[in-house]
Amino acid sequence: MDTDKEDLTDKPLKGKSTNGLSRKEFMKNMGGAMLSGGMLASLPFSDAEAKETTSENNAGLITPNTPRVDRVAADPTDIPGPISRRTPKTHEVTLVAKEVVAEIEDGVQFKHMTWNGQVPGPMIRVRQGDTVNLTVKNLSENTTIHNVDFHAVYGTGGCAKATTVPPGKDAQVSFKATYPGAFIYHCAVPRLDMHISSGMYGMIVVEPPEGLPEVDHEFYFGQNEVYTDKEAGEKGVHNFHKPSMIAENPTYVLLNGAKNAITPNRYGALEVDREETARVFMVTGGPNLTSNFHPIGNVWTKAWREGAIHNDPETYLQTCKVAPGSCGVFQMDFPVPENIMLVDHALSRYAKKGMLGIIKVNGEEQPEIFDAS
């Protein structure tokens, strides 16, 4: 079996999670927060480490120690390439919980909770049968506990219990990717809905042994909704607003963590050439809204709903639901030059709340297919 280092940060991280905090002591420190589904019982903290966390009301607030960054929007092209090998491999993967302040749109500051400083978190790519040695690190300047639940994992909480750590600590766990597909990973602490809404989710792709069909491009997107205490577009600091989240009434619905992130007026559109093909990986963090993912001016030539890439694809689908906590894998053809708008077809989310990406198709006009003259 081969081994490679697939550390997603600058340096590999070492260390062990700490032990010693009883369930009763943890519940006291967390203000009696309910443990989601019972999967976080007997969490591995000491009393001193538990006191480093904040109350639920403060976790979404910007503090003087919260780093400011220019961008959290993940580059849709910055992903691992397709797998061509046919033998198992061991991967060393590091996910770092980073709480940062960045603008959702011009003048609107928000505290994002991220994996490795981006939304969605880094795409992890392995082959069925591979082993992942995972390190989860919670930076000391963070305000609350973090962990990660992988939907690609057999095991308690999908790694959540084993990776729960307070600020300044890290934990390790190993798992084998036994079934193929595209799966979400996300933070799963007691207030997991707030953490996911703030950006703490990503995707792991487990390729089947035969690999995936060849394409010219691959793009990676994530959708989540953000709930704030101000109106969309109002300048200043937007703090997280729990009542809006409970009511499922978001201020923003975002593609890759920012309003209209992947467009010419923000971080740039994606570009392809006519007659090329592209595979689109899509993960919906939610925590509440189902995406109605649609390419305006195009169609999903092939679609693997729920990320079920081991199955035969459906063909020529116009709009595909990607539920919170799930993924979709889609293929596109580009027969004519155009600007394709990637939207949630619950269209107020595009028109009013920021859910938009653009793919620019370059090439000569094809009037026999489309003639606007």
Protein backbone atom coordinates (compact mmCIF):
# COMPACT_ATOMS: atom_id res chain seq x y z
CA MET A 1 0.00 0.00 0.00
CA ASP A 2 1.31 3.46 -0.95
CA THR A 3 1.33 6.38 1.45
CA ASP A 4 1.21 10.05 0.53
CA LYS A 5 1.10 13.24 2.57
CA GLU A 6 -1.98 15.23 1.67
CA ASP A 7 -1.70 17.85 4.41
CA LEU A 8 -4.10 20.67 3.59
CA THR A 9 -2.14 23.25 5.59
CA ASP A 10 1.40 24.56 5.38
CA LYS A 11 2.85 22.11 7.90
CA PRO A 12 1.88 18.68 9.20
CA LEU A 13 0.30 18.71 12.65
CA LYS A 14 1.02 16.33 15.47
CA GLY A 15 -0.43 15.71 18.91
CA LYS A 16 -3.23 13.99 20.70
CA SER A 17 -6.64 15.02 21.92
CA THR A 18 -6.90 15.40 25.68
CA ASN A 19 -9.11 13.48 28.06
CA GLY A 20 -10.69 13.92 31.44
CA LEU A 21 -13.86 16.04 31.28
CA SER A 22 -16.98 14.19 32.34
CA ARG A 23 -20.29 14.61 30.55
CA LYS A 24 -21.68 16.42 33.61
CA GLU A 25 -18.77 18.87 33.75
CA PHE A 26 -18.94 19.53 30.01
CA MET A 27 -22.68 20.22 30.15
CA LYS A 28 -22.07 22.73 32.94
CA ASN A 29 -19.35 24.56 30.98
CA MET A 30 -21.46 24.67 27.84
CA GLY A 31 -24.48 26.14 29.63
CA GLY A 32 -26.43 22.90 29.40
CA ALA A 33 -26.27 22.63 25.61
CA MET A 34 -28.05 19.54 24.35
CA LEU A 35 -25.84 16.96 22.71
CA SER A 36 -27.00 16.37 19.17
CA GLY A 37 -28.41 12.85 18.87
CA GLY A 38 -26.39 11.72 21.88
CA MET A 39 -23.38 11.20 19.63
CA LEU A 40 -21.16 13.62 21.55
CA ALA A 41 -21.40 11.98 24.96
CA SER A 42 -18.22 11.65 27.07
CA LEU A 43 -16.33 14.40 25.26
CA PRO A 44 -12.55 14.38 25.73
CA PHE A 45 -11.79 17.66 27.57
CA SER A 46 -10.26 18.65 30.88
CA ASP A 47 -11.91 21.34 33.06
CA ALA A 48 -9.31 23.95 32.09
CA GLU A 49 -9.68 23.28 28.40
CA ALA A 50 -13.47 23.39 28.54
CA LYS A 51 -13.34 26.86 30.09
CA GLU A 52 -11.61 28.12 26.94
CA THR A 53 -14.88 27.76 25.05
CA THR A 54 -17.52 30.48 25.02
CA SER A 55 -21.26 30.45 25.54
CA GLU A 56 -23.56 29.84 22.59
CA ASN A 57 -24.55 33.51 22.51
CA ASN A 58 -20.95 34.67 22.11
CA ALA A 59 -19.61 32.06 19.68
CA GLY A 60 -20.81 33.96 16.62
CA LEU A 61 -19.53 37.36 17.73
CA ILE A 62 -16.46 39.07 16.33
CA THR A 63 -13.77 39.52 18.99
CA PRO A 64 -10.54 41.57 18.92
CA ASN A 65 -8.64 38.31 18.41
CA THR A 66 -10.66 37.20 15.38
CA PRO A 67 -8.36 37.42 12.33
CA ARG A 68 -9.44 39.58 9.39
CA VAL A 69 -8.99 38.10 5.90
CA ASP A 70 -9.72 39.35 2.40
CA ARG A 71 -11.55 36.26 1.20
CA VAL A 72 -13.09 32.99 2.36
CA ALA A 73 -14.63 32.02 -0.99
CA ALA A 74 -13.04 28.76 -2.16
CA ASP A 75 -11.53 28.77 -5.65
CA PRO A 76 -13.73 26.26 -7.55
CA THR A 77 -10.70 25.08 -9.56
CA ASP A 78 -8.36 24.49 -6.60
CA ILE A 79 -9.13 20.82 -6.06
CA PRO A 80 -7.26 17.50 -6.27
CA GLY A 81 -7.17 15.91 -9.71
CA PRO A 82 -8.86 12.66 -10.77
CA ILE A 83 -7.36 9.42 -9.51
CA SER A 84 -5.77 7.12 -12.07
CA ARG A 85 -4.05 4.60 -9.78
CA ARG A 86 -5.65 1.23 -9.09
CA THR A 87 -4.03 0.36 -5.75
CA PRO A 88 -4.94 1.58 -2.24
CA LYS A 89 -3.12 4.48 -0.62
CA THR A 90 -2.88 6.15 2.79
CA HIS A 91 -3.48 9.90 2.95
CA GLU A 92 -2.38 12.32 5.67
CA VAL A 93 -5.09 14.98 5.80
CA THR A 94 -5.24 18.00 8.11
CA LEU A 95 -8.30 20.17 8.65
CA VAL A 96 -7.82 23.36 10.64
CA ALA A 97 -10.79 25.12 12.23
CA LYS A 98 -10.31 28.83 11.52
CA GLU A 99 -12.71 31.52 12.72
CA VAL A 100 -12.16 34.62 10.58
CA VAL A 101 -13.81 37.89 9.63
CA ALA A 102 -14.41 38.51 5.92
CA GLU A 103 -16.85 40.49 3.82
CA ILE A 104 -19.94 38.75 2.48
CA GLU A 105 -20.35 41.74 0.17
CA ASP A 106 -18.76 45.18 0.11
CA GLY A 107 -18.91 46.70 3.59
CA VAL A 108 -20.66 43.72 5.21
CA GLN A 109 -18.40 41.99 7.72
CA PHE A 110 -19.23 38.59 9.17
CA LYS A 111 -17.50 36.02 11.35
CA HIS A 112 -17.08 32.89 9.25
CA MET A 113 -16.27 29.52 10.76
CA THR A 114 -14.17 27.67 8.20
CA TRP A 115 -12.05 24.67 7.48
CA ASN A 116 -8.61 25.89 6.42
CA GLY A 117 -9.88 29.42 5.91
CA GLN A 118 -12.24 28.71 3.01
CA VAL A 119 -15.92 28.04 2.27
CA PRO A 120 -16.63 25.33 1.44
CA GLY A 121 -13.75 23.53 3.14
CA PRO A 122 -11.08 21.84 1.00
CA MET A 123 -12.25 19.04 -1.26
CA ILE A 124 -10.64 15.77 -0.17
CA ARG A 125 -10.26 13.12 -2.85
CA VAL A 126 -9.52 9.45 -2.27
CA ARG A 127 -10.17 6.09 -3.88
CA GLN A 128 -12.46 3.40 -2.48
CA GLY A 129 -10.28 1.26 -0.20
CA ASP A 130 -7.89 4.11 0.71
CA THR A 131 -7.10 4.97 4.32
CA VAL A 132 -7.22 8.53 5.69
CA ASN A 133 -5.16 9.57 8.70
CA LEU A 134 -7.01 12.71 9.74
CA THR A 135 -5.79 15.49 12.01
CA VAL A 136 -8.29 18.10 13.22
CA LYS A 137 -6.77 21.25 14.74
CA ASN A 138 -8.67 23.97 16.60
CA LEU A 139 -6.65 27.20 16.60
CA SER A 140 -5.96 28.84 19.96
CA GLU A 141 -7.53 32.16 18.89
CA ASN A 142 -10.87 30.45 18.17
CA THR A 143 -13.74 30.91 20.61
CA THR A 144 -15.43 27.52 20.73
CA ILE A 145 -15.08 23.76 20.34
CA HIS A 146 -15.01 22.22 16.87
CA ASN A 147 -15.08 18.74 15.35
CA VAL A 148 -15.88 17.07 12.05
CA ASP A 149 -18.49 14.54 10.92
CA PHE A 150 -17.72 12.73 7.64
CA HIS A 151 -20.68 11.13 5.87
CA ALA A 152 -18.13 8.86 4.19
CA VAL A 153 -17.19 7.18 7.49
CA TYR A 154 -18.47 4.17 9.38
CA GLY A 155 -17.99 5.12 13.04
CA THR A 156 -19.55 7.06 15.91
CA GLY A 157 -20.69 10.44 14.62
CA GLY A 158 -18.65 9.98 11.45
CA CYS A 159 -15.51 10.94 13.45
CA ALA A 160 -17.31 13.69 15.41
CA LYS A 161 -16.79 12.27 18.89
CA ALA A 162 -13.15 11.36 18.24
CA THR A 163 -12.26 14.76 16.78
CA THR A 164 -13.98 17.09 19.27
CA VAL A 165 -11.38 19.55 20.55
CA PRO A 166 -11.35 22.94 22.33
CA PRO A 167 -9.30 25.92 21.14
CA GLY A 168 -5.56 25.27 21.06
CA LYS A 169 -5.86 21.48 20.79
CA ASP A 170 -5.87 18.88 18.03
CA ALA A 171 -6.94 15.27 17.58
CA GLN A 172 -6.21 12.39 15.25
CA VAL A 173 -8.37 9.61 13.85
CA SER A 174 -7.95 7.06 11.06
CA PHE A 175 -10.66 5.70 8.79
CA LYS A 176 -10.97 3.59 5.67
CA ALA A 177 -13.07 4.84 2.75
CA THR A 178 -15.11 1.72 2.10
CA TYR A 179 -17.92 3.02 -0.14
CA PRO A 180 -17.78 5.32 -3.19
CA GLY A 181 -19.54 8.64 -3.65
CA ALA A 182 -19.36 12.36 -2.99
CA PHE A 183 -20.10 13.09 0.67
CA ILE A 184 -20.34 16.14 2.89
CA TYR A 185 -18.22 16.68 5.97
CA HIS A 186 -19.22 19.30 8.54
CA CYS A 187 -18.78 20.48 12.11
CA ALA A 188 -21.11 18.58 14.46
CA VAL A 189 -20.82 20.20 17.89
CA PRO A 190 -24.00 20.87 19.92
CA ARG A 191 -24.68 24.14 18.03
CA LEU A 192 -23.77 22.53 14.72
CA ASP A 193 -26.43 24.46 12.77
CA MET A 194 -24.72 27.78 13.56
CA HIS A 195 -21.26 26.41 12.73
CA ILE A 196 -22.40 24.99 9.39
CA SER A 197 -24.33 28.14 8.50
CA SER A 198 -21.15 30.09 9.23
CA GLY A 199 -19.26 28.01 6.65
CA MET A 200 -17.98 24.89 8.39
CA TYR A 201 -18.63 22.20 5.76
CA GLY A 202 -16.91 20.62 2.76
CA MET A 203 -16.78 17.53 0.54
CA ILE A 204 -14.89 14.26 0.37
CA VAL A 205 -14.98 12.40 -2.94
CA VAL A 206 -14.43 8.65 -2.75
CA GLU A 207 -13.85 7.50 -6.32
CA PRO A 208 -14.87 3.97 -7.31
CA PRO A 209 -12.02 1.62 -8.29
CA GLU A 210 -12.56 2.30 -12.01
CA GLY A 211 -12.34 6.06 -11.51
CA LEU A 212 -14.56 8.74 -13.04
CA PRO A 213 -15.27 9.59 -16.70
CA GLU A 214 -12.72 11.89 -18.28
CA VAL A 215 -13.66 15.58 -18.60
CA ASP A 216 -11.81 18.77 -19.52
CA HIS A 217 -12.55 20.71 -16.33
CA GLU A 218 -13.70 20.10 -12.76
CA PHE A 219 -15.32 22.71 -10.50
CA TYR A 220 -16.22 22.62 -6.81
CA PHE A 221 -19.06 24.59 -5.21
CA GLY A 222 -20.80 24.80 -1.87
CA GLN A 223 -24.05 26.47 -0.85
CA ASN A 224 -24.98 27.65 2.62
CA GLU A 225 -27.32 30.24 4.07
CA VAL A 226 -26.25 32.92 6.57
CA TYR A 227 -28.46 34.44 9.26
CA THR A 228 -27.49 37.90 10.52
CA ASP A 229 -28.87 40.66 12.73
CA LYS A 230 -28.98 43.24 9.92
CA GLU A 231 -30.64 43.51 6.53
CA ALA A 232 -28.77 42.28 3.46
CA GLY A 233 -26.46 44.99 2.17
CA GLU A 234 -26.49 47.06 5.37
CA LYS A 235 -22.93 48.19 5.97
CA GLY A 236 -21.03 47.22 9.10
CA VAL A 237 -20.57 44.17 11.29
CA HIS A 238 -23.26 41.52 10.93
CA ASN A 239 -23.48 39.22 13.93
CA PHE A 240 -25.05 35.79 13.77
CA HIS A 241 -28.80 35.89 14.53
CA LYS A 242 -30.13 32.71 16.11
CA PRO A 243 -33.88 33.58 15.90
CA SER A 244 -33.61 33.99 12.11
CA MET A 245 -31.91 30.62 11.85
CA ILE A 246 -34.63 28.93 13.90
CA ALA A 247 -37.22 30.57 11.62
CA GLU A 248 -35.19 29.47 8.57
CA ASN A 249 -35.23 33.05 7.23
CA PRO A 250 -31.68 33.75 6.01
CA THR A 251 -30.18 37.13 5.24
CA TYR A 252 -27.97 35.62 2.53
CA VAL A 253 -27.83 32.41 0.49
CA LEU A 254 -24.28 32.04 -0.76
CA LEU A 255 -22.29 30.09 -3.31
CA ASN A 256 -18.75 29.59 -1.98
CA GLY A 257 -19.17 31.81 1.03
CA ALA A 258 -19.71 35.27 -0.49
CA LYS A 259 -22.41 37.15 -2.39
CA ASN A 260 -22.07 36.53 -6.14
CA ALA A 261 -18.60 35.14 -5.39
CA ILE A 262 -17.77 33.44 -8.69
CA THR A 263 -18.69 36.28 -11.04
CA PRO A 264 -16.74 38.93 -12.99
CA ASN A 265 -17.66 41.64 -10.48
CA ARG A 266 -16.36 39.68 -7.47
CA TYR A 267 -13.63 37.05 -7.70
CA GLY A 268 -13.98 36.27 -11.40
CA ALA A 269 -16.05 33.94 -13.55
CA LEU A 270 -14.89 30.47 -14.54
CA GLU A 271 -13.89 30.03 -18.17
CA VAL A 272 -14.12 27.10 -20.57
CA ASP A 273 -14.01 26.70 -24.35
CA ARG A 274 -16.83 25.63 -26.60
CA GLU A 275 -17.05 21.84 -27.05
CA GLU A 276 -15.21 21.15 -23.78
CA THR A 277 -16.81 19.32 -20.86
CA ALA A 278 -16.84 20.00 -17.14
CA ARG A 279 -17.68 18.05 -14.00
CA VAL A 280 -19.33 20.06 -11.22
CA PHE A 281 -19.11 18.93 -7.60
CA MET A 282 -21.78 20.57 -5.43
CA VAL A 283 -22.25 20.30 -1.65
CA THR A 284 -25.06 21.92 0.30
CA GLY A 285 -24.08 22.75 3.85
CA GLY A 286 -27.41 24.36 4.65
CA PRO A 287 -28.09 24.04 7.49
CA ASN A 288 -31.74 24.29 6.47
CA LEU A 289 -32.41 25.08 2.80
CA THR A 290 -32.39 22.62 -0.08
CA SER A 291 -30.61 23.94 -3.16
CA ASN A 292 -32.45 23.77 -6.48
CA PHE A 293 -29.27 23.80 -8.53
CA HIS A 294 -29.72 24.95 -12.12
CA PRO A 295 -27.42 26.23 -14.91
CA ILE A 296 -29.31 28.99 -16.73
CA GLY A 297 -28.68 28.62 -20.47
CA ASN A 298 -27.57 25.02 -20.12
CA VAL A 299 -28.53 21.68 -18.62
CA TRP A 300 -26.93 18.93 -16.55
CA THR A 301 -25.91 16.56 -19.34
CA LYS A 302 -25.29 13.89 -16.71
CA ALA A 303 -26.30 13.92 -13.06
CA TRP A 304 -25.41 11.73 -10.12
CA ARG A 305 -27.88 12.78 -7.44
CA GLU A 306 -26.85 12.46 -3.80
CA GLY A 307 -23.28 12.14 -5.07
CA ALA A 308 -23.96 8.50 -6.01
CA ILE A 309 -21.15 8.27 -8.58
CA HIS A 310 -21.10 4.46 -8.52
CA ASN A 311 -24.56 4.46 -10.15
CA ASP A 312 -25.43 5.12 -13.79
CA PRO A 313 -26.10 8.84 -14.31
CA GLU A 314 -29.38 10.40 -15.25
CA THR A 315 -29.19 12.53 -18.39
CA TYR A 316 -30.35 16.01 -19.42
CA LEU A 317 -31.73 17.28 -16.12
CA GLN A 318 -32.66 20.95 -15.80
CA THR A 319 -32.74 21.48 -12.01
CA CYS A 320 -31.49 19.10 -9.33
CA LYS A 321 -32.21 19.27 -5.64
CA VAL A 322 -29.17 19.06 -3.38
CA ALA A 323 -30.43 18.73 0.16
CA PRO A 324 -28.63 20.05 3.24
CA GLY A 325 -26.09 17.43 4.24
CA SER A 326 -25.78 16.04 0.74
CA CYS A 327 -23.95 16.46 -2.56
CA GLY A 328 -24.51 16.31 -6.27
CA VAL A 329 -22.12 15.51 -9.10
CA PHE A 330 -22.97 16.87 -12.55
CA GLN A 331 -21.48 16.97 -16.04
CA MET A 332 -21.96 19.80 -18.51
CA ASP A 333 -21.40 20.19 -22.25
CA PHE A 334 -20.72 23.58 -23.86
CA PRO A 335 -21.95 23.63 -27.49
CA VAL A 336 -22.24 27.43 -27.82
CA PRO A 337 -20.41 30.47 -26.43
CA GLU A 338 -22.41 32.02 -23.58
CA ASN A 339 -22.42 33.03 -19.93
CA ILE A 340 -23.96 30.25 -17.85
CA MET A 341 -25.48 31.37 -14.55
CA LEU A 342 -25.34 28.83 -11.75
CA VAL A 343 -28.25 29.57 -9.42
CA ASP A 344 -30.59 28.17 -6.84
CA HIS A 345 -33.87 28.17 -8.79
CA ALA A 346 -35.72 29.31 -5.69
CA LEU A 347 -34.95 32.53 -7.49
CA SER A 348 -35.19 35.06 -4.68
CA ARG A 349 -32.05 33.40 -3.34
CA TYR A 350 -30.31 34.42 -6.57
CA ALA A 351 -31.99 37.78 -7.13
CA LYS A 352 -31.95 39.06 -3.55
CA LYS A 353 -29.60 36.96 -1.41
CA GLY A 354 -26.43 36.37 -3.42
CA MET A 355 -26.59 32.82 -4.79
CA LEU A 356 -24.81 33.15 -8.16
CA GLY A 357 -21.82 31.82 -10.05
CA ILE A 358 -20.93 32.26 -13.73
CA ILE A 359 -19.19 30.03 -16.26
CA LYS A 360 -18.05 31.92 -19.37
CA VAL A 361 -17.92 29.77 -22.51
CA ASN A 362 -15.51 31.09 -25.14
CA GLY A 363 -15.58 30.27 -28.86
CA GLU A 364 -17.16 31.00 -32.21
CA GLU A 365 -20.88 31.54 -32.49
CA GLN A 366 -22.95 28.57 -33.62
CA PRO A 367 -26.04 30.06 -35.31
CA GLU A 368 -27.36 26.63 -36.28
CA ILE A 369 -27.76 25.94 -32.53
CA PHE A 370 -28.47 29.46 -31.21
CA ASP A 371 -28.91 32.65 -33.25
CA ALA A 372 -29.61 35.92 -31.37
CA SER A 373 -29.43 38.16 -34.47
